[in-house]
């Protein structure tokens, strides 16, 4: 299977998602959040560092639920700053 390369906009969006999740995680360890969310630590690490710019929807749903984030907090036009509510924990 050949994957279509991601656009710069898609890569940026993945990096922004990762940064917002990292901020929301706060002092909690990556291991704690990953285990409680039911995802691997490596998956969470890739998402937080932007190395997985298009993660599976249900993976993000589980991580957001564990961090107390609403999926609505990530609905925004491309290029806009993340909403305050997505970064507050």
PDB file of N, CA and C in Angstrom:
ATOM      1  N   UNK A   1       0.838  -1.179   0.000  1.00  0.00           N
ATOM      2  CA  UNK A   1       0.000   0.000   0.000  1.00  0.00           C
ATOM      3  C   UNK A   1       0.884   1.243   0.000  1.00  0.00           C
ATOM      4  N   UNK A   2       0.604   2.139  -0.907  1.00  0.00           N
ATOM      5  CA  UNK A   2       1.362   3.380  -1.010  1.00  0.00           C
ATOM      6  C   UNK A   2       0.562   4.481  -0.337  1.00  0.00           C
ATOM      7  N   UNK A   3       1.218   5.204   0.554  1.00  0.00           N
ATOM      8  CA  UNK A   3       0.551   6.323   1.232  1.00  0.00           C
ATOM      9  C   UNK A   3       0.845   7.623   0.507  1.00  0.00           C
ATOM     10  N   UNK A   4      -0.174   8.436   0.416  1.00  0.00           N
ATOM     11  CA  UNK A   4      -0.009   9.762  -0.166  1.00  0.00           C
ATOM     12  C   UNK A   4       0.709  10.626   0.864  1.00  0.00           C
ATOM     13  N   UNK A   5       1.764  11.334   0.468  1.00  0.00           N
ATOM     14  CA  UNK A   5       2.471  12.182   1.422  1.00  0.00           C
ATOM     15  C   UNK A   5       1.541  13.238   2.022  1.00  0.00           C
ATOM     16  N   UNK A   6       1.760  13.533   3.283  1.00  0.00           N
ATOM     17  CA  UNK A   6       0.958  14.545   3.961  1.00  0.00           C
ATOM     18  C   UNK A   6       1.359  15.939   3.501  1.00  0.00           C
ATOM     19  N   UNK A   7       0.395  16.823   3.486  1.00  0.00           N
ATOM     20  CA  UNK A   7       0.687  18.217   3.136  1.00  0.00           C
ATOM     21  C   UNK A   7       1.294  18.906   4.347  1.00  0.00           C
ATOM     22  N   UNK A   8       1.899  20.046   4.113  1.00  0.00           N
ATOM     23  CA  UNK A   8       2.474  20.830   5.201  1.00  0.00           C
ATOM     24  C   UNK A   8       1.392  21.223   6.201  1.00  0.00           C
ATOM     25  N   UNK A   9       0.197  21.493   5.702  1.00  0.00           N
ATOM     26  CA  UNK A   9      -0.922  21.864   6.574  1.00  0.00           C
ATOM     27  C   UNK A   9      -1.328  20.700   7.476  1.00  0.00           C
ATOM     28  N   UNK A  10      -1.345  19.492   6.930  1.00  0.00           N
ATOM     29  CA  UNK A  10      -1.686  18.310   7.723  1.00  0.00           C
ATOM     30  C   UNK A  10      -0.624  18.030   8.779  1.00  0.00           C
ATOM     31  N   UNK A  11       0.617  18.215   8.430  1.00  0.00           N
ATOM     32  CA  UNK A  11       1.709  18.026   9.387  1.00  0.00           C
ATOM     33  C   UNK A  11       1.595  19.050  10.508  1.00  0.00           C
ATOM     34  N   UNK A  12       1.329  20.300  10.149  1.00  0.00           N
ATOM     35  CA  UNK A  12       1.186  21.360  11.156  1.00  0.00           C
ATOM     36  C   UNK A  12       0.013  21.064  12.089  1.00  0.00           C
ATOM     37  N   UNK A  13      -1.089  20.604  11.527  1.00  0.00           N
ATOM     38  CA  UNK A  13      -2.270  20.280  12.327  1.00  0.00           C
ATOM     39  C   UNK A  13      -1.944  19.164  13.321  1.00  0.00           C
ATOM     40  N   UNK A  14      -1.187  18.158  12.899  1.00  0.00           N
ATOM     41  CA  UNK A  14      -0.774  17.078  13.792  1.00  0.00           C
ATOM     42  C   UNK A  14       0.124  17.579  14.909  1.00  0.00           C
ATOM     43  N   UNK A  15       1.017  18.494  14.585  1.00  0.00           N
ATOM     44  CA  UNK A  15       1.898  19.067  15.597  1.00  0.00           C
ATOM     45  C   UNK A  15       1.106  19.888  16.614  1.00  0.00           C
ATOM     46  N   UNK A  16       0.114  20.623  16.142  1.00  0.00           N
ATOM     47  CA  UNK A  16      -0.727  21.418  17.036  1.00  0.00           C
ATOM     48  C   UNK A  16      -1.548  20.525  17.961  1.00  0.00           C
ATOM     49  N   UNK A  17      -2.082  19.431  17.419  1.00  0.00           N
ATOM     50  CA  UNK A  17      -2.829  18.478  18.234  1.00  0.00           C
ATOM     51  C   UNK A  17      -1.923  17.900  19.311  1.00  0.00           C
ATOM     52  N   UNK A  18      -0.733  17.489  18.924  1.00  0.00           N
ATOM     53  CA  UNK A  18       0.220  16.931  19.881  1.00  0.00           C
ATOM     54  C   UNK A  18       0.574  17.909  20.981  1.00  0.00           C
ATOM     55  N   UNK A  19       0.788  19.156  20.613  1.00  0.00           N
ATOM     56  CA  UNK A  19       1.128  20.179  21.603  1.00  0.00           C
ATOM     57  C   UNK A  19      -0.030  20.396  22.572  1.00  0.00           C
ATOM     58  N   UNK A  20      -1.258  20.426  22.054  1.00  0.00           N
ATOM     59  CA  UNK A  20      -2.424  20.628  22.927  1.00  0.00           C
ATOM     60  C   UNK A  20      -2.594  19.457  23.894  1.00  0.00           C
ATOM     61  N   UNK A  21      -2.374  18.240  23.417  1.00  0.00           N
ATOM     62  CA  UNK A  21      -2.485  17.070  24.303  1.00  0.00           C
ATOM     63  C   UNK A  21      -1.375  17.072  25.351  1.00  0.00           C
ATOM     64  N   UNK A  22      -0.181  17.474  24.958  1.00  0.00           N
ATOM     65  CA  UNK A  22       0.939  17.542  25.897  1.00  0.00           C
ATOM     66  C   UNK A  22       0.647  18.543  27.014  1.00  0.00           C
ATOM     67  N   UNK A  23       0.115  19.688  26.648  1.00  0.00           N
ATOM     68  CA  UNK A  23      -0.227  20.714  27.645  1.00  0.00           C
ATOM     69  C   UNK A  23      -1.336  20.196  28.554  1.00  0.00           C
ATOM     70  N   UNK A  24      -2.350  19.576  27.981  1.00  0.00           N
ATOM     71  CA  UNK A  24      -3.469  19.060  28.772  1.00  0.00           C
ATOM     72  C   UNK A  24      -3.023  17.953  29.722  1.00  0.00           C
ATOM     73  N   UNK A  25      -2.029  17.179  29.315  1.00  0.00           N
ATOM     74  CA  UNK A  25      -1.513  16.093  30.161  1.00  0.00           C
ATOM     75  C   UNK A  25      -0.855  16.652  31.416  1.00  0.00           C
ATOM     76  N   UNK A  26      -0.304  17.851  31.323  1.00  0.00           N
ATOM     77  CA  UNK A  26       0.294  18.515  32.480  1.00  0.00           C
ATOM     78  C   UNK A  26       1.384  17.685  33.135  1.00  0.00           C
ATOM     79  N   UNK A  27       1.257  17.491  34.442  1.00  0.00           N
ATOM     80  CA  UNK A  27       2.277  16.780  35.215  1.00  0.00           C
ATOM     81  C   UNK A  27       2.124  15.264  35.140  1.00  0.00           C
ATOM     82  N   UNK A  28       1.021  14.797  34.582  1.00  0.00           N
ATOM     83  CA  UNK A  28       0.835  13.344  34.475  1.00  0.00           C
ATOM     84  C   UNK A  28       1.864  12.757  33.520  1.00  0.00           C
ATOM     85  N   UNK A  29       2.307  11.556  33.819  1.00  0.00           N
ATOM     86  CA  UNK A  29       3.281  10.927  32.940  1.00  0.00           C
ATOM     87  C   UNK A  29       2.589  10.398  31.689  1.00  0.00           C
ATOM     88  N   UNK A  30       3.376  10.268  30.647  1.00  0.00           N
ATOM     89  CA  UNK A  30       2.882   9.716  29.398  1.00  0.00           C
ATOM     90  C   UNK A  30       2.411   8.275  29.623  1.00  0.00           C
ATOM     91  N   UNK A  31       3.138   7.538  30.454  1.00  0.00           N
ATOM     92  CA  UNK A  31       2.785   6.148  30.745  1.00  0.00           C
ATOM     93  C   UNK A  31       1.420   6.069  31.421  1.00  0.00           C
ATOM     94  N   UNK A  32       1.174   6.932  32.400  1.00  0.00           N
ATOM     95  CA  UNK A  32      -0.100   6.930  33.123  1.00  0.00           C
ATOM     96  C   UNK A  32      -1.260   7.225  32.180  1.00  0.00           C
ATOM     97  N   UNK A  33      -1.131   8.264  31.392  1.00  0.00           N
ATOM     98  CA  UNK A  33      -2.215   8.651  30.477  1.00  0.00           C
ATOM     99  C   UNK A  33      -2.456   7.561  29.441  1.00  0.00           C
ATOM    100  N   UNK A  34      -1.391   7.028  28.866  1.00  0.00           N
ATOM    101  CA  UNK A  34      -1.538   5.988  27.846  1.00  0.00           C
ATOM    102  C   UNK A  34      -2.225   4.752  28.416  1.00  0.00           C
ATOM    103  N   UNK A  35      -1.779   4.303  29.580  1.00  0.00           N
ATOM    104  CA  UNK A  35      -2.386   3.115  30.183  1.00  0.00           C
ATOM    105  C   UNK A  35      -3.855   3.345  30.509  1.00  0.00           C
ATOM    106  N   UNK A  36      -4.174   4.486  31.089  1.00  0.00           N
ATOM    107  CA  UNK A  36      -5.560   4.782  31.449  1.00  0.00           C
ATOM    108  C   UNK A  36      -6.452   4.966  30.220  1.00  0.00           C
ATOM    109  N   UNK A  37      -5.875   5.451  29.131  1.00  0.00           N
ATOM    110  CA  UNK A  37      -6.640   5.661  27.894  1.00  0.00           C
ATOM    111  C   UNK A  37      -6.715   4.396  27.047  1.00  0.00           C
ATOM    112  N   UNK A  38      -5.915   3.404  27.376  1.00  0.00           N
ATOM    113  CA  UNK A  38      -5.939   2.157  26.612  1.00  0.00           C
ATOM    114  C   UNK A  38      -5.198   2.232  25.293  1.00  0.00           C
ATOM    115  N   UNK A  39      -4.165   3.079  25.235  1.00  0.00           N
ATOM    116  CA  UNK A  39      -3.323   3.157  24.038  1.00  0.00           C
ATOM    117  C   UNK A  39      -1.888   2.888  24.451  1.00  0.00           C
ATOM    118  N   UNK A  40      -1.050   2.569  23.490  1.00  0.00           N
ATOM    119  CA  UNK A  40       0.351   2.314  23.833  1.00  0.00           C
ATOM    120  C   UNK A  40       1.070   3.630  24.108  1.00  0.00           C
ATOM    121  N   UNK A  41       2.099   3.537  24.913  1.00  0.00           N
ATOM    122  CA  UNK A  41       2.902   4.721  25.227  1.00  0.00           C
ATOM    123  C   UNK A  41       3.533   5.260  23.945  1.00  0.00           C
ATOM    124  N   UNK A  42       3.981   4.356  23.077  1.00  0.00           N
ATOM    125  CA  UNK A  42       4.605   4.793  21.822  1.00  0.00           C
ATOM    126  C   UNK A  42       3.604   5.531  20.935  1.00  0.00           C
ATOM    127  N   UNK A  43       2.355   5.104  20.919  1.00  0.00           N
ATOM    128  CA  UNK A  43       1.330   5.809  20.148  1.00  0.00           C
ATOM    129  C   UNK A  43       1.143   7.218  20.681  1.00  0.00           C
ATOM    130  N   UNK A  44       1.018   7.345  22.001  1.00  0.00           N
ATOM    131  CA  UNK A  44       0.856   8.674  22.601  1.00  0.00           C
ATOM    132  C   UNK A  44       2.086   9.536  22.330  1.00  0.00           C
ATOM    133  N   UNK A  45       3.269   8.957  22.430  1.00  0.00           N
ATOM    134  CA  UNK A  45       4.506   9.706  22.173  1.00  0.00           C
ATOM    135  C   UNK A  45       4.527  10.225  20.728  1.00  0.00           C
ATOM    136  N   UNK A  46       4.151   9.373  19.783  1.00  0.00           N
ATOM    137  CA  UNK A  46       4.143   9.790  18.379  1.00  0.00           C
ATOM    138  C   UNK A  46       3.136  10.904  18.131  1.00  0.00           C
ATOM    139  N   UNK A  47       1.970  10.812  18.760  1.00  0.00           N
ATOM    140  CA  UNK A  47       0.959  11.856  18.590  1.00  0.00           C
ATOM    141  C   UNK A  47       1.437  13.165  19.203  1.00  0.00           C
ATOM    142  N   UNK A  48       1.965  13.098  20.425  1.00  0.00           N
ATOM    143  CA  UNK A  48       2.407  14.320  21.114  1.00  0.00           C
ATOM    144  C   UNK A  48       3.574  15.005  20.417  1.00  0.00           C
ATOM    145  N   UNK A  49       4.419  14.240  19.757  1.00  0.00           N
ATOM    146  CA  UNK A  49       5.579  14.837  19.084  1.00  0.00           C
ATOM    147  C   UNK A  49       5.281  15.208  17.638  1.00  0.00           C
ATOM    148  N   UNK A  50       4.070  14.903  17.165  1.00  0.00           N
ATOM    149  CA  UNK A  50       3.702  15.241  15.802  1.00  0.00           C
ATOM    150  C   UNK A  50       4.198  14.233  14.774  1.00  0.00           C
ATOM    151  N   UNK A  51       4.779  13.122  15.215  1.00  0.00           N
ATOM    152  CA  UNK A  51       5.255  12.091  14.286  1.00  0.00           C
ATOM    153  C   UNK A  51       4.110  11.258  13.743  1.00  0.00           C
ATOM    154  N   UNK A  52       2.937  11.399  14.323  1.00  0.00           N
ATOM    155  CA  UNK A  52       1.730  10.728  13.827  1.00  0.00           C
ATOM    156  C   UNK A  52       0.690  11.813  13.582  1.00  0.00           C
ATOM    157  N   UNK A  53       0.816  12.539  12.475  1.00  0.00           N
ATOM    158  CA  UNK A  53      -0.045  13.699  12.243  1.00  0.00           C
ATOM    159  C   UNK A  53      -1.493  13.379  11.913  1.00  0.00           C
ATOM    160  N   UNK A  54      -1.799  12.111  11.631  1.00  0.00           N
ATOM    161  CA  UNK A  54      -3.191  11.770  11.342  1.00  0.00           C
ATOM    162  C   UNK A  54      -3.569  10.504  12.117  1.00  0.00           C
ATOM    163  N   UNK A  55      -3.630  10.623  13.443  1.00  0.00           N
ATOM    164  CA  UNK A  55      -3.962   9.456  14.268  1.00  0.00           C
ATOM    165  C   UNK A  55      -5.423   9.042  14.097  1.00  0.00           C
ATOM    166  N   UNK A  56      -5.700   7.815  14.480  1.00  0.00           N
ATOM    167  CA  UNK A  56      -7.062   7.289  14.403  1.00  0.00           C
ATOM    168  C   UNK A  56      -8.000   8.097  15.304  1.00  0.00           C
ATOM    169  N   UNK A  57      -9.218   8.315  14.819  1.00  0.00           N
ATOM    170  CA  UNK A  57     -10.206   9.090  15.556  1.00  0.00           C
ATOM    171  C   UNK A  57     -10.449   8.527  16.957  1.00  0.00           C
ATOM    172  N   UNK A  58     -10.660   7.212  17.049  1.00  0.00           N
ATOM    173  CA  UNK A  58     -10.992   6.630  18.354  1.00  0.00           C
ATOM    174  C   UNK A  58      -9.810   6.640  19.320  1.00  0.00           C
ATOM    175  N   UNK A  59      -8.601   6.682  18.803  1.00  0.00           N
ATOM    176  CA  UNK A  59      -7.421   6.833  19.660  1.00  0.00           C
ATOM    177  C   UNK A  59      -7.443   8.208  20.310  1.00  0.00           C
ATOM    178  N   UNK A  60      -7.699   9.229  19.509  1.00  0.00           N
ATOM    179  CA  UNK A  60      -7.767  10.597  20.049  1.00  0.00           C
ATOM    180  C   UNK A  60      -8.957  10.724  20.987  1.00  0.00           C
ATOM    181  N   UNK A  61     -10.062  10.101  20.662  1.00  0.00           N
ATOM    182  CA  UNK A  61     -11.237  10.135  21.528  1.00  0.00           C
ATOM    183  C   UNK A  61     -10.910   9.576  22.910  1.00  0.00           C
ATOM    184  N   UNK A  62     -10.217   8.436  22.962  1.00  0.00           N
ATOM    185  CA  UNK A  62      -9.852   7.831  24.256  1.00  0.00           C
ATOM    186  C   UNK A  62      -8.884   8.715  25.037  1.00  0.00           C
ATOM    187  N   UNK A  63      -7.914   9.301  24.345  1.00  0.00           N
ATOM    188  CA  UNK A  63      -6.948  10.170  25.022  1.00  0.00           C
ATOM    189  C   UNK A  63      -7.653  11.413  25.558  1.00  0.00           C
ATOM    190  N   UNK A  64      -8.502  12.017  24.740  1.00  0.00           N
ATOM    191  CA  UNK A  64      -9.239  13.208  25.181  1.00  0.00           C
ATOM    192  C   UNK A  64     -10.131  12.892  26.378  1.00  0.00           C
ATOM    193  N   UNK A  65     -10.811  11.756  26.345  1.00  0.00           N
ATOM    194  CA  UNK A  65     -11.677  11.376  27.464  1.00  0.00           C
ATOM    195  C   UNK A  65     -10.854  11.233  28.740  1.00  0.00           C
ATOM    196  N   UNK A  66      -9.684  10.638  28.636  1.00  0.00           N
ATOM    197  CA  UNK A  66      -8.826  10.466  29.809  1.00  0.00           C
ATOM    198  C   UNK A  66      -8.327  11.803  30.344  1.00  0.00           C
ATOM    199  N   UNK A  67      -8.092  12.753  29.448  1.00  0.00           N
ATOM    200  CA  UNK A  67      -7.590  14.067  29.858  1.00  0.00           C
ATOM    201  C   UNK A  67      -8.707  15.054  30.193  1.00  0.00           C
ATOM    202  N   UNK A  68      -9.953  14.620  30.029  1.00  0.00           N
ATOM    203  CA  UNK A  68     -11.079  15.498  30.324  1.00  0.00           C
ATOM    204  C   UNK A  68     -11.276  16.579  29.275  1.00  0.00           C
ATOM    205  N   UNK A  69     -10.832  16.309  28.049  1.00  0.00           N
ATOM    206  CA  UNK A  69     -10.989  17.272  26.962  1.00  0.00           C
ATOM    207  C   UNK A  69     -12.200  16.916  26.121  1.00  0.00           C
ATOM    208  N   UNK A  70     -12.879  17.921  25.640  1.00  0.00           N
ATOM    209  CA  UNK A  70     -13.990  17.727  24.720  1.00  0.00           C
ATOM    210  C   UNK A  70     -13.429  17.670  23.299  1.00  0.00           C
ATOM    211  N   UNK A  71     -13.945  16.767  22.499  1.00  0.00           N
ATOM    212  CA  UNK A  71     -13.525  16.719  21.098  1.00  0.00           C
ATOM    213  C   UNK A  71     -13.893  18.016  20.383  1.00  0.00           C
ATOM    214  N   UNK A  72     -14.930  18.695  20.861  1.00  0.00           N
ATOM    215  CA  UNK A  72     -15.325  19.973  20.270  1.00  0.00           C
ATOM    216  C   UNK A  72     -14.224  21.020  20.393  1.00  0.00           C
ATOM    217  N   UNK A  73     -13.363  20.863  21.389  1.00  0.00           N
ATOM    218  CA  UNK A  73     -12.306  21.854  21.586  1.00  0.00           C
ATOM    219  C   UNK A  73     -11.284  21.813  20.455  1.00  0.00           C
ATOM    220  N   UNK A  74     -11.309  20.761  19.627  1.00  0.00           N
ATOM    221  CA  UNK A  74     -10.374  20.654  18.522  1.00  0.00           C
ATOM    222  C   UNK A  74     -11.011  20.990  17.182  1.00  0.00           C
ATOM    223  N   UNK A  75     -12.285  21.347  17.188  1.00  0.00           N
ATOM    224  CA  UNK A  75     -12.959  21.753  15.947  1.00  0.00           C
ATOM    225  C   UNK A  75     -12.679  23.224  15.716  1.00  0.00           C
ATOM    226  N   UNK A  76     -11.863  23.502  14.714  1.00  0.00           N
ATOM    227  CA  UNK A  76     -11.520  24.877  14.399  1.00  0.00           C
ATOM    228  C   UNK A  76     -10.951  24.943  12.994  1.00  0.00           C
ATOM    229  N   UNK A  77     -10.960  26.104  12.391  1.00  0.00           N
ATOM    230  CA  UNK A  77     -10.360  26.238  11.054  1.00  0.00           C
ATOM    231  C   UNK A  77      -8.855  25.997  11.127  1.00  0.00           C
ATOM    232  N   UNK A  78      -8.283  25.510  10.048  1.00  0.00           N
ATOM    233  CA  UNK A  78      -6.847  25.278   9.996  1.00  0.00           C
ATOM    234  C   UNK A  78      -6.090  26.572  10.211  1.00  0.00           C
ATOM    235  N   UNK A  79      -4.986  26.509  10.927  1.00  0.00           N
ATOM    236  CA  UNK A  79      -4.125  27.661  11.101  1.00  0.00           C
ATOM    237  C   UNK A  79      -4.502  28.559  12.263  1.00  0.00           C
ATOM    238  N   UNK A  80      -5.700  28.400  12.828  1.00  0.00           N
ATOM    239  CA  UNK A  80      -6.072  29.209  13.976  1.00  0.00           C
ATOM    240  C   UNK A  80      -5.353  28.687  15.206  1.00  0.00           C
ATOM    241  N   UNK A  81      -5.197  29.514  16.186  1.00  0.00           N
ATOM    242  CA  UNK A  81      -4.590  29.093  17.451  1.00  0.00           C
ATOM    243  C   UNK A  81      -5.535  28.131  18.160  1.00  0.00           C
ATOM    244  N   UNK A  82      -4.980  27.143  18.889  1.00  0.00           N
ATOM    245  CA  UNK A  82      -5.855  26.233  19.640  1.00  0.00           C
ATOM    246  C   UNK A  82      -6.683  27.024  20.636  1.00  0.00           C
ATOM    247  N   UNK A  83      -7.950  26.654  20.809  1.00  0.00           N
ATOM    248  CA  UNK A  83      -8.785  27.381  21.773  1.00  0.00           C
ATOM    249  C   UNK A  83      -8.266  27.184  23.182  1.00  0.00           C
ATOM    250  N   UNK A  84      -8.482  28.195  24.002  1.00  0.00           N
ATOM    251  CA  UNK A  84      -8.038  28.140  25.406  1.00  0.00           C
ATOM    252  C   UNK A  84      -8.567  26.903  26.101  1.00  0.00           C
ATOM    253  N   UNK A  85      -9.822  26.517  25.815  1.00  0.00           N
ATOM    254  CA  UNK A  85     -10.423  25.383  26.494  1.00  0.00           C
ATOM    255  C   UNK A  85      -9.693  24.081  26.198  1.00  0.00           C
ATOM    256  N   UNK A  86      -9.040  23.987  25.039  1.00  0.00           N
ATOM    257  CA  UNK A  86      -8.319  22.756  24.703  1.00  0.00           C
ATOM    258  C   UNK A  86      -7.026  22.664  25.492  1.00  0.00           C
ATOM    259  N   UNK A  87      -6.510  23.800  25.941  1.00  0.00           N
ATOM    260  CA  UNK A  87      -5.242  23.796  26.645  1.00  0.00           C
ATOM    261  C   UNK A  87      -5.390  23.814  28.156  1.00  0.00           C
ATOM    262  N   UNK A  88      -6.565  24.147  28.647  1.00  0.00           N
ATOM    263  CA  UNK A  88      -6.796  24.214  30.083  1.00  0.00           C
ATOM    264  C   UNK A  88      -7.101  22.817  30.614  1.00  0.00           C
ATOM    265  N   UNK A  89      -6.601  22.518  31.793  1.00  0.00           N
ATOM    266  CA  UNK A  89      -6.937  21.212  32.365  1.00  0.00           C
ATOM    267  C   UNK A  89      -7.516  21.379  33.739  1.00  0.00           C
TER     268      UNK A  89
END
